[in-house]
Amino acid sequence: MSPEERAREHIDEQLQAAMTSRQLKVRQKGLNIAGLQLADLLARPSRDEILMEQGCLQREVSEFGRRLTAIMQAKYDRSEGRIHGKKLV
């Protein structure tokens, strides 16, 4: 097994240990669930960061978005100069 396959398997095990069930839980936005609010706050700045890196963003990123992006960049899983888990659109 390659190091990348071992790492992927380890990450899968960690995710499964953290999951409360194997089923996807879908909730209405109006239920005001903290985790969903956090996901909403992070989703657009994260998307904008990737689009900006690819030269696909046609507008200026908000100050709030830039601040969140800086925080998120510090949290990415990095090793050997690579970022793991950050995907392109």
PDB file of N, CA and C in Angstrom:
ATOM      1  N   MET A   1       0.860  -1.172   0.000  1.00  0.00           N
ATOM      2  CA  MET A   1       0.000   0.000   0.000  1.00  0.00           C
ATOM      3  C   MET A   1       0.910   1.241   0.000  1.00  0.00           C
ATOM      4  N   SER A   2       0.608   2.193  -0.858  1.00  0.00           N
ATOM      5  CA  SER A   2       1.420   3.404  -0.958  1.00  0.00           C
ATOM      6  C   SER A   2       1.167   4.316   0.242  1.00  0.00           C
ATOM      7  N   PRO A   3       2.087   5.260   0.506  1.00  0.00           N
ATOM      8  CA  PRO A   3       1.869   6.204   1.616  1.00  0.00           C
ATOM      9  C   PRO A   3       0.577   7.000   1.450  1.00  0.00           C
ATOM     10  N   GLU A   4       0.235   7.371   0.213  1.00  0.00           N
ATOM     11  CA  GLU A   4      -1.002   8.126  -0.019  1.00  0.00           C
ATOM     12  C   GLU A   4      -2.232   7.283   0.295  1.00  0.00           C
ATOM     13  N   GLU A   5      -2.191   5.997  -0.062  1.00  0.00           N
ATOM     14  CA  GLU A   5      -3.317   5.115   0.239  1.00  0.00           C
ATOM     15  C   GLU A   5      -3.461   4.907   1.746  1.00  0.00           C
ATOM     16  N   ARG A   6      -2.329   4.776   2.449  1.00  0.00           N
ATOM     17  CA  ARG A   6      -2.369   4.633   3.909  1.00  0.00           C
ATOM     18  C   ARG A   6      -2.935   5.892   4.558  1.00  0.00           C
ATOM     19  N   ALA A   7      -2.503   7.050   4.048  1.00  0.00           N
ATOM     20  CA  ALA A   7      -3.001   8.314   4.600  1.00  0.00           C
ATOM     21  C   ALA A   7      -4.501   8.437   4.365  1.00  0.00           C
ATOM     22  N   ARG A   8      -4.942   8.080   3.167  1.00  0.00           N
ATOM     23  CA  ARG A   8      -6.370   8.156   2.844  1.00  0.00           C
ATOM     24  C   ARG A   8      -7.173   7.216   3.741  1.00  0.00           C
ATOM     25  N   GLU A   9      -6.663   6.017   3.966  1.00  0.00           N
ATOM     26  CA  GLU A   9      -7.341   5.057   4.834  1.00  0.00           C
ATOM     27  C   GLU A   9      -7.403   5.576   6.273  1.00  0.00           C
ATOM     28  N   HIS A  10      -6.306   6.176   6.748  1.00  0.00           N
ATOM     29  CA  HIS A  10      -6.270   6.739   8.100  1.00  0.00           C
ATOM     30  C   HIS A  10      -7.294   7.858   8.242  1.00  0.00           C
ATOM     31  N   ILE A  11      -7.371   8.725   7.241  1.00  0.00           N
ATOM     32  CA  ILE A  11      -8.339   9.828   7.275  1.00  0.00           C
ATOM     33  C   ILE A  11      -9.758   9.270   7.272  1.00  0.00           C
ATOM     34  N   ASP A  12     -10.020   8.257   6.448  1.00  0.00           N
ATOM     35  CA  ASP A  12     -11.346   7.633   6.423  1.00  0.00           C
ATOM     36  C   ASP A  12     -11.712   7.081   7.795  1.00  0.00           C
ATOM     37  N   GLU A  13     -10.758   6.444   8.468  1.00  0.00           N
ATOM     38  CA  GLU A  13     -11.014   5.904   9.802  1.00  0.00           C
ATOM     39  C   GLU A  13     -11.323   7.027  10.791  1.00  0.00           C
ATOM     40  N   GLN A  14     -10.587   8.129  10.715  1.00  0.00           N
ATOM     41  CA  GLN A  14     -10.824   9.263  11.601  1.00  0.00           C
ATOM     42  C   GLN A  14     -12.215   9.853  11.364  1.00  0.00           C
ATOM     43  N   LEU A  15     -12.591   9.991  10.102  1.00  0.00           N
ATOM     44  CA  LEU A  15     -13.910  10.540   9.788  1.00  0.00           C
ATOM     45  C   LEU A  15     -15.015   9.636  10.301  1.00  0.00           C
ATOM     46  N   GLN A  16     -14.888   8.337  10.096  1.00  0.00           N
ATOM     47  CA  GLN A  16     -15.904   7.404  10.563  1.00  0.00           C
ATOM     48  C   GLN A  16     -16.029   7.449  12.082  1.00  0.00           C
ATOM     49  N   ALA A  17     -14.905   7.601  12.773  1.00  0.00           N
ATOM     50  CA  ALA A  17     -14.940   7.663  14.242  1.00  0.00           C
ATOM     51  C   ALA A  17     -15.669   8.921  14.716  1.00  0.00           C
ATOM     52  N   ALA A  18     -15.580   9.996  13.947  1.00  0.00           N
ATOM     53  CA  ALA A  18     -16.214  11.255  14.334  1.00  0.00           C
ATOM     54  C   ALA A  18     -17.689  11.329  13.929  1.00  0.00           C
ATOM     55  N   MET A  19     -18.095  10.523  12.981  1.00  0.00           N
ATOM     56  CA  MET A  19     -19.473  10.553  12.498  1.00  0.00           C
ATOM     57  C   MET A  19     -20.404   9.940  13.534  1.00  0.00           C
ATOM     58  N   THR A  20     -21.591  10.505  13.649  1.00  0.00           N
ATOM     59  CA  THR A  20     -22.560   9.966  14.601  1.00  0.00           C
ATOM     60  C   THR A  20     -23.396   8.857  13.991  1.00  0.00           C
ATOM     61  N   SER A  21     -23.415   8.777  12.658  1.00  0.00           N
ATOM     62  CA  SER A  21     -24.104   7.679  11.985  1.00  0.00           C
ATOM     63  C   SER A  21     -23.595   7.600  10.550  1.00  0.00           C
ATOM     64  N   ARG A  22     -24.000   6.575   9.848  1.00  0.00           N
ATOM     65  CA  ARG A  22     -23.596   6.411   8.451  1.00  0.00           C
ATOM     66  C   ARG A  22     -24.572   7.093   7.490  1.00  0.00           C
ATOM     67  N   GLN A  23     -25.641   7.665   8.022  1.00  0.00           N
ATOM     68  CA  GLN A  23     -26.641   8.300   7.173  1.00  0.00           C
ATOM     69  C   GLN A  23     -26.437   9.809   7.133  1.00  0.00           C
ATOM     70  N   LEU A  24     -26.618  10.373   5.962  1.00  0.00           N
ATOM     71  CA  LEU A  24     -26.559  11.810   5.788  1.00  0.00           C
ATOM     72  C   LEU A  24     -27.780  12.435   6.438  1.00  0.00           C
ATOM     73  N   LYS A  25     -27.541  13.457   7.225  1.00  0.00           N
ATOM     74  CA  LYS A  25     -28.643  14.133   7.918  1.00  0.00           C
ATOM     75  C   LYS A  25     -28.901  15.469   7.230  1.00  0.00           C
ATOM     76  N   VAL A  26     -30.067  15.616   6.677  1.00  0.00           N
ATOM     77  CA  VAL A  26     -30.447  16.845   5.988  1.00  0.00           C
ATOM     78  C   VAL A  26     -31.435  17.590   6.882  1.00  0.00           C
ATOM     79  N   ARG A  27     -31.144  18.853   7.100  1.00  0.00           N
ATOM     80  CA  ARG A  27     -32.003  19.676   7.942  1.00  0.00           C
ATOM     81  C   ARG A  27     -32.401  20.942   7.198  1.00  0.00           C
ATOM     82  N   GLN A  28     -33.575  21.472   7.529  1.00  0.00           N
ATOM     83  CA  GLN A  28     -34.014  22.722   6.925  1.00  0.00           C
ATOM     84  C   GLN A  28     -33.195  23.871   7.478  1.00  0.00           C
ATOM     85  N   LYS A  29     -32.896  24.810   6.597  1.00  0.00           N
ATOM     86  CA  LYS A  29     -32.097  25.960   7.004  1.00  0.00           C
ATOM     87  C   LYS A  29     -32.792  26.764   8.104  1.00  0.00           C
ATOM     88  N   GLY A  30     -34.090  26.806   8.070  1.00  0.00           N
ATOM     89  CA  GLY A  30     -34.854  27.578   9.038  1.00  0.00           C
ATOM     90  C   GLY A  30     -34.782  27.054  10.463  1.00  0.00           C
ATOM     91  N   LEU A  31     -34.222  25.866  10.663  1.00  0.00           N
ATOM     92  CA  LEU A  31     -34.114  25.309  12.013  1.00  0.00           C
ATOM     93  C   LEU A  31     -33.026  25.995  12.840  1.00  0.00           C
ATOM     94  N   ASN A  32     -32.218  26.835  12.188  1.00  0.00           N
ATOM     95  CA  ASN A  32     -31.236  27.645  12.886  1.00  0.00           C
ATOM     96  C   ASN A  32     -30.226  26.794  13.662  1.00  0.00           C
ATOM     97  N   ILE A  33     -29.674  25.780  13.019  1.00  0.00           N
ATOM     98  CA  ILE A  33     -28.701  24.873  13.633  1.00  0.00           C
ATOM     99  C   ILE A  33     -27.304  25.468  13.480  1.00  0.00           C
ATOM    100  N   ALA A  34     -26.562  25.539  14.571  1.00  0.00           N
ATOM    101  CA  ALA A  34     -25.257  26.209  14.590  1.00  0.00           C
ATOM    102  C   ALA A  34     -24.298  25.658  13.535  1.00  0.00           C
ATOM    103  N   GLY A  35     -24.231  24.358  13.381  1.00  0.00           N
ATOM    104  CA  GLY A  35     -23.323  23.759  12.397  1.00  0.00           C
ATOM    105  C   GLY A  35     -23.645  24.189  10.979  1.00  0.00           C
ATOM    106  N   LEU A  36     -24.945  24.319  10.680  1.00  0.00           N
ATOM    107  CA  LEU A  36     -25.342  24.778   9.350  1.00  0.00           C
ATOM    108  C   LEU A  36     -24.988  26.243   9.153  1.00  0.00           C
ATOM    109  N   GLN A  37     -25.122  27.042  10.189  1.00  0.00           N
ATOM    110  CA  GLN A  37     -24.754  28.450  10.095  1.00  0.00           C
ATOM    111  C   GLN A  37     -23.253  28.589   9.840  1.00  0.00           C
ATOM    112  N   LEU A  38     -22.455  27.790  10.523  1.00  0.00           N
ATOM    113  CA  LEU A  38     -21.016  27.818  10.319  1.00  0.00           C
ATOM    114  C   LEU A  38     -20.665  27.402   8.892  1.00  0.00           C
ATOM    115  N   ALA A  39     -21.309  26.350   8.401  1.00  0.00           N
ATOM    116  CA  ALA A  39     -21.069  25.902   7.032  1.00  0.00           C
ATOM    117  C   ALA A  39     -21.410  27.006   6.035  1.00  0.00           C
ATOM    118  N   ASP A  40     -22.521  27.702   6.256  1.00  0.00           N
ATOM    119  CA  ASP A  40     -22.899  28.814   5.380  1.00  0.00           C
ATOM    120  C   ASP A  40     -21.853  29.924   5.401  1.00  0.00           C
ATOM    121  N   LEU A  41     -21.328  30.225   6.585  1.00  0.00           N
ATOM    122  CA  LEU A  41     -20.320  31.283   6.697  1.00  0.00           C
ATOM    123  C   LEU A  41     -19.032  30.945   5.952  1.00  0.00           C
ATOM    124  N   LEU A  42     -18.665  29.672   5.940  1.00  0.00           N
ATOM    125  CA  LEU A  42     -17.404  29.256   5.336  1.00  0.00           C
ATOM    126  C   LEU A  42     -17.508  28.914   3.851  1.00  0.00           C
ATOM    127  N   ALA A  43     -18.683  28.515   3.395  1.00  0.00           N
ATOM    128  CA  ALA A  43     -18.834  27.994   2.038  1.00  0.00           C
ATOM    129  C   ALA A  43     -18.472  29.015   0.958  1.00  0.00           C
ATOM    130  N   ARG A  44     -19.040  30.194   1.012  1.00  0.00           N
ATOM    131  CA  ARG A  44     -18.799  31.162  -0.060  1.00  0.00           C
ATOM    132  C   ARG A  44     -17.352  31.664  -0.080  1.00  0.00           C
ATOM    133  N   PRO A  45     -16.767  32.063   1.060  1.00  0.00           N
ATOM    134  CA  PRO A  45     -15.357  32.469   1.004  1.00  0.00           C
ATOM    135  C   PRO A  45     -14.437  31.349   0.504  1.00  0.00           C
ATOM    136  N   SER A  46     -14.745  30.108   0.874  1.00  0.00           N
ATOM    137  CA  SER A  46     -13.948  28.981   0.420  1.00  0.00           C
ATOM    138  C   SER A  46     -14.052  28.827  -1.105  1.00  0.00           C
ATOM    139  N   ARG A  47     -15.269  28.911  -1.601  1.00  0.00           N
ATOM    140  CA  ARG A  47     -15.499  28.834  -3.053  1.00  0.00           C
ATOM    141  C   ARG A  47     -14.798  29.980  -3.767  1.00  0.00           C
ATOM    142  N   ASP A  48     -14.931  31.185  -3.228  1.00  0.00           N
ATOM    143  CA  ASP A  48     -14.314  32.359  -3.844  1.00  0.00           C
ATOM    144  C   ASP A  48     -12.795  32.235  -3.897  1.00  0.00           C
ATOM    145  N   GLU A  49     -12.205  31.670  -2.838  1.00  0.00           N
ATOM    146  CA  GLU A  49     -10.752  31.486  -2.814  1.00  0.00           C
ATOM    147  C   GLU A  49     -10.297  30.603  -3.973  1.00  0.00           C
ATOM    148  N   ILE A  50     -10.986  29.494  -4.173  1.00  0.00           N
ATOM    149  CA  ILE A  50     -10.622  28.569  -5.249  1.00  0.00           C
ATOM    150  C   ILE A  50     -10.836  29.221  -6.606  1.00  0.00           C
ATOM    151  N   LEU A  51     -11.966  29.902  -6.790  1.00  0.00           N
ATOM    152  CA  LEU A  51     -12.228  30.573  -8.068  1.00  0.00           C
ATOM    153  C   LEU A  51     -11.199  31.668  -8.339  1.00  0.00           C
ATOM    154  N   MET A  52     -10.794  32.399  -7.311  1.00  0.00           N
ATOM    155  CA  MET A  52      -9.804  33.456  -7.474  1.00  0.00           C
ATOM    156  C   MET A  52      -8.462  32.853  -7.891  1.00  0.00           C
ATOM    157  N   GLU A  53      -8.071  31.752  -7.257  1.00  0.00           N
ATOM    158  CA  GLU A  53      -6.813  31.085  -7.606  1.00  0.00           C
ATOM    159  C   GLU A  53      -6.813  30.606  -9.055  1.00  0.00           C
ATOM    160  N   GLN A  54      -7.965  30.244  -9.558  1.00  0.00           N
ATOM    161  CA  GLN A  54      -8.084  29.752 -10.931  1.00  0.00           C
ATOM    162  C   GLN A  54      -8.335  30.865 -11.944  1.00  0.00           C
ATOM    163  N   GLY A  55      -8.436  32.105 -11.450  1.00  0.00           N
ATOM    164  CA  GLY A  55      -8.678  33.239 -12.344  1.00  0.00           C
ATOM    165  C   GLY A  55     -10.103  33.292 -12.858  1.00  0.00           C
ATOM    166  N   CYS A  56     -11.031  32.696 -12.139  1.00  0.00           N
ATOM    167  CA  CYS A  56     -12.427  32.615 -12.589  1.00  0.00           C
ATOM    168  C   CYS A  56     -13.360  33.558 -11.840  1.00  0.00           C
ATOM    169  N   LEU A  57     -12.847  34.311 -10.888  1.00  0.00           N
ATOM    170  CA  LEU A  57     -13.710  35.181 -10.093  1.00  0.00           C
ATOM    171  C   LEU A  57     -13.718  36.571 -10.720  1.00  0.00           C
ATOM    172  N   GLN A  58     -14.905  37.066 -11.066  1.00  0.00           N
ATOM    173  CA  GLN A  58     -15.041  38.327 -11.774  1.00  0.00           C
ATOM    174  C   GLN A  58     -15.315  39.512 -10.863  1.00  0.00           C
ATOM    175  N   ARG A  59     -15.347  39.300  -9.570  1.00  0.00           N
ATOM    176  CA  ARG A  59     -15.673  40.386  -8.647  1.00  0.00           C
ATOM    177  C   ARG A  59     -14.663  40.423  -7.514  1.00  0.00           C
ATOM    178  N   GLU A  60     -14.694  41.496  -6.757  1.00  0.00           N
ATOM    179  CA  GLU A  60     -13.817  41.663  -5.598  1.00  0.00           C
ATOM    180  C   GLU A  60     -14.359  40.841  -4.424  1.00  0.00           C
ATOM    181  N   VAL A  61     -13.468  40.241  -3.670  1.00  0.00           N
ATOM    182  CA  VAL A  61     -13.859  39.484  -2.476  1.00  0.00           C
ATOM    183  C   VAL A  61     -14.038  40.477  -1.325  1.00  0.00           C
ATOM    184  N   SER A  62     -15.069  40.272  -0.525  1.00  0.00           N
ATOM    185  CA  SER A  62     -15.348  41.164   0.600  1.00  0.00           C
ATOM    186  C   SER A  62     -14.241  41.072   1.650  1.00  0.00           C
ATOM    187  N   GLU A  63     -14.147  42.082   2.488  1.00  0.00           N
ATOM    188  CA  GLU A  63     -13.173  42.075   3.590  1.00  0.00           C
ATOM    189  C   GLU A  63     -13.423  40.874   4.510  1.00  0.00           C
ATOM    190  N   PHE A  64     -14.687  40.606   4.803  1.00  0.00           N
ATOM    191  CA  PHE A  64     -15.052  39.456   5.628  1.00  0.00           C
ATOM    192  C   PHE A  64     -14.553  38.163   4.978  1.00  0.00           C
ATOM    193  N   GLY A  65     -14.757  38.030   3.675  1.00  0.00           N
ATOM    194  CA  GLY A  65     -14.307  36.850   2.943  1.00  0.00           C
ATOM    195  C   GLY A  65     -12.801  36.701   2.969  1.00  0.00           C
ATOM    196  N   ARG A  66     -12.078  37.812   2.818  1.00  0.00           N
ATOM    197  CA  ARG A  66     -10.609  37.765   2.864  1.00  0.00           C
ATOM    198  C   ARG A  66     -10.117  37.346   4.246  1.00  0.00           C
ATOM    199  N   ARG A  67     -10.767  37.858   5.284  1.00  0.00           N
ATOM    200  CA  ARG A  67     -10.356  37.496   6.646  1.00  0.00           C
ATOM    201  C   ARG A  67     -10.614  36.015   6.922  1.00  0.00           C
ATOM    202  N   LEU A  68     -11.788  35.525   6.504  1.00  0.00           N
ATOM    203  CA  LEU A  68     -12.092  34.102   6.704  1.00  0.00           C
ATOM    204  C   LEU A  68     -11.141  33.220   5.902  1.00  0.00           C
ATOM    205  N   THR A  69     -10.827  33.628   4.680  1.00  0.00           N
ATOM    206  CA  THR A  69      -9.908  32.864   3.837  1.00  0.00           C
ATOM    207  C   THR A  69      -8.543  32.749   4.499  1.00  0.00           C
ATOM    208  N   ALA A  70      -8.049  33.833   5.083  1.00  0.00           N
ATOM    209  CA  ALA A  70      -6.751  33.803   5.761  1.00  0.00           C
ATOM    210  C   ALA A  70      -6.780  32.814   6.926  1.00  0.00           C
ATOM    211  N   ILE A  71      -7.870  32.787   7.659  1.00  0.00           N
ATOM    212  CA  ILE A  71      -8.006  31.847   8.779  1.00  0.00           C
ATOM    213  C   ILE A  71      -8.058  30.414   8.257  1.00  0.00           C
ATOM    214  N   MET A  72      -8.849  30.184   7.201  1.00  0.00           N
ATOM    215  CA  MET A  72      -8.974  28.832   6.648  1.00  0.00           C
ATOM    216  C   MET A  72      -7.642  28.332   6.099  1.00  0.00           C
ATOM    217  N   GLN A  73      -6.881  29.206   5.448  1.00  0.00           N
ATOM    218  CA  GLN A  73      -5.599  28.788   4.876  1.00  0.00           C
ATOM    219  C   GLN A  73      -4.651  28.273   5.957  1.00  0.00           C
ATOM    220  N   ALA A  74      -4.709  28.852   7.123  1.00  0.00           N
ATOM    221  CA  ALA A  74      -3.855  28.410   8.217  1.00  0.00           C
ATOM    222  C   ALA A  74      -4.273  27.038   8.750  1.00  0.00           C
ATOM    223  N   LYS A  75      -5.491  26.593   8.428  1.00  0.00           N
ATOM    224  CA  LYS A  75      -6.018  25.330   8.950  1.00  0.00           C
ATOM    225  C   LYS A  75      -5.877  24.164   7.969  1.00  0.00           C
ATOM    226  N   TYR A  76      -5.488  24.427   6.724  1.00  0.00           N
ATOM    227  CA  TYR A  76      -5.408  23.354   5.728  1.00  0.00           C
ATOM    228  C   TYR A  76      -4.369  22.311   6.131  1.00  0.00           C
ATOM    229  N   ASP A  77      -4.653  21.073   5.794  1.00  0.00           N
ATOM    230  CA  ASP A  77      -3.730  19.961   6.035  1.00  0.00           C
ATOM    231  C   ASP A  77      -2.606  20.063   5.009  1.00  0.00           C
ATOM    232  N   ARG A  78      -1.405  20.396   5.467  1.00  0.00           N
ATOM    233  CA  ARG A  78      -0.267  20.588   4.568  1.00  0.00           C
ATOM    234  C   ARG A  78       0.852  19.614   4.920  1.00  0.00           C
ATOM    235  N   SER A  79       1.486  19.093   3.885  1.00  0.00           N
ATOM    236  CA  SER A  79       2.712  18.322   4.077  1.00  0.00           C
ATOM    237  C   SER A  79       3.471  18.328   2.759  1.00  0.00           C
ATOM    238  N   GLU A  80       4.781  18.418   2.865  1.00  0.00           N
ATOM    239  CA  GLU A  80       5.666  18.420   1.705  1.00  0.00           C
ATOM    240  C   GLU A  80       5.250  19.474   0.678  1.00  0.00           C
ATOM    241  N   GLY A  81       4.833  20.649   1.164  1.00  0.00           N
ATOM    242  CA  GLY A  81       4.481  21.743   0.266  1.00  0.00           C
ATOM    243  C   GLY A  81       3.148  21.593  -0.446  1.00  0.00           C
ATOM    244  N   ARG A  82       2.379  20.597  -0.109  1.00  0.00           N
ATOM    245  CA  ARG A  82       1.080  20.373  -0.745  1.00  0.00           C
ATOM    246  C   ARG A  82      -0.043  20.594   0.249  1.00  0.00           C
ATOM    247  N   ILE A  83      -1.182  21.002  -0.276  1.00  0.00           N
ATOM    248  CA  ILE A  83      -2.385  21.125   0.553  1.00  0.00           C
ATOM    249  C   ILE A  83      -3.264  19.924   0.244  1.00  0.00           C
ATOM    250  N   HIS A  84      -3.667  19.198   1.276  1.00  0.00           N
ATOM    251  CA  HIS A  84      -4.502  18.006   1.098  1.00  0.00           C
ATOM    252  C   HIS A  84      -5.947  18.332   1.472  1.00  0.00           C
ATOM    253  N   GLY A  85      -6.863  17.926   0.629  1.00  0.00           N
ATOM    254  CA  GLY A  85      -8.284  18.104   0.937  1.00  0.00           C
ATOM    255  C   GLY A  85      -8.920  19.319   0.305  1.00  0.00           C
ATOM    256  N   LYS A  86      -8.133  20.240  -0.228  1.00  0.00           N
ATOM    257  CA  LYS A  86      -8.671  21.416  -0.889  1.00  0.00           C
ATOM    258  C   LYS A  86      -8.903  21.058  -2.349  1.00  0.00           C
ATOM    259  N   LYS A  87     -10.117  21.195  -2.798  1.00  0.00           N
ATOM    260  CA  LYS A  87     -10.476  20.731  -4.131  1.00  0.00           C
ATOM    261  C   LYS A  87     -10.722  21.892  -5.083  1.00  0.00           C
ATOM    262  N   LEU A  88     -10.497  21.633  -6.346  1.00  0.00           N
ATOM    263  CA  LEU A  88     -10.792  22.605  -7.395  1.00  0.00           C
ATOM    264  C   LEU A  88     -12.229  22.398  -7.873  1.00  0.00           C
ATOM    265  N   VAL A  89     -12.851  23.455  -8.331  1.00  0.00           N
ATOM    266  CA  VAL A  89     -14.231  23.383  -8.798  1.00  0.00           C
ATOM    267  C   VAL A  89     -14.254  22.805 -10.189  1.00  0.00           C
TER     268      VAL A  89
END
